[in-house]
Amino acid sequence: MTITKTDLYPHVSLTCISTDKFKYSNLTMNFITKLTRETASANALLPRVLLRGSKNLPGMAEISATLDELYGTRIEAITRKKGELYGLGFYIDFPDGRYLPNSDNILEKAIDVAGELLLSPLLHDGYLCEEYIESEKSNLIDDIHAIINDKRNYSVSRLLEQMCDDEAYGVNKLGTENEAKAITKESLTSHYFDIINNSELKIFYCGSASSDQVESALKKALHTLPIRKATTTPTTEILFTPKTDEPRRFTESLDVTQGKLVAGFRMGETMKSPNYPAMMMFNAIYGDGVSSKLFVKVREELSLCYMINSMVDKHKGIMLVAGGFDFLNFDKALNEIFLQLDNIKNGDISAQEFETAKNSIISEIKSSLDRPGGLESFYFDSVTAAISYDPLTLCDDVQSVTMQDVIDIASHIKTDSIFYLKGN
């Protein structure tokens, strides 16, 4: 596997992961912009509208026929939230040319189609097609409504909205129903040209083609992309301490038979010089996986919950613990969540817990190398983080993490907010 990083144009970069392990290749085009309440719905809507039609492929029928000719190539809208950065664009998935008869140029053809959809949108009187906008607005609003159907993810979203009420991080990547409804052909067209002209573009390819071949195909497909002259890379604001001395508590009631508890923590001073491997080790020991303290103690030994896990966002410096509980077990569960965190702070980590966590992380990193999407996701995460990394180096760094490193991470963590989802 060979990793090549190239600047195609000012503020347009290519990360090329050349490997012959896979029968399929993928490529993503990601415009990186700032996550804001005002533009989240427009960001989520824009790639959906662009995929409905272009100047030379004006409708779904033409697009589908073209992709079918390319052996079932797929192009999908992609939106991602990394810290307070928003990535929007296309995901392209196509068979590797090595396995197709007389199709060694499928890479160029697939990238050409993506470039056409991206840079030659279907315009009516200078505006993006209103029919497509209204149709995709309806789909986006349906997706926003559907968030509540997954009560765990809904509870996490509600905790972040309130915990980060005056931070961009609290914004859902789909935005809100009211913001989506307010989008017009005029506003979305203006937003499209703002993104195309001013946002940094990060492209990732994973497949057997050489970096020179991928670079040549992209330069041909993107030759009409406006040259960026003063693009500023957005950043994520990190708060090192909770907003109040005592954790804030939020409660919501729905027609549910199982309660949800989500606790939000700030990672603290460790984010001034983040040690990502140590943060991963802490999370694995604390609550990420079936061998973690939260799973073993809260679920298995005390039977307080149906599920529980912890998540660390290394971009923002926030940790969440989320679980499903009987309503009467909320207080017991919360006390145990705090107790297990205090145990790590006090060095109560067995050698077996430590080694199991280390092996689990390394196995997970290496498993990402076994699929194109996993590699792409890994490198996208790396280039949008404060400190970049690669899989093999990260594995070595995880091996080098000490018990004291994990204790140091835990010692800076402070509780910010707690969210309860109860029954009516």
Foldseek 3Di string as FASTA:
>chain_A
DDWDWDALAVLEIETEAADAQDQKKKKWKKFKDFQDLLCLQLLVLQQQLLVQAFDVGRGPVSVVVLCVVQVNKDKDWDWDCAQRMIITAIMIMGGQPVPDPPPNPSLLSSLLSRLRSQPGADDDPLFHDQVSLVVSLVVLQVVQVCCVVPVQSVQVLVQLCVQPVVFSRSADSNHHNVSSVPDGRVNSSVVSVCSQAATRMYMYMYYNDDPVVNSVSNCVSCVVRHHHDDHDRDAHDEDQAAPDPDAAEAEAADADQKKKKKWKKALHPCLVPPDVLLVLLLQQQDFADCNHPLNCPCCPPVNFFPDWGKDANSRHRMMMIMTIGGPVSVVVSVVSSVVSLVCLLVLVADPVSNVVSLVVVLVVLVVLVNDNVSQRVLQVSQVNHPHHDHSVVSNVSNVVDDSVSNSVSSVSMDTHYMYMYHYD
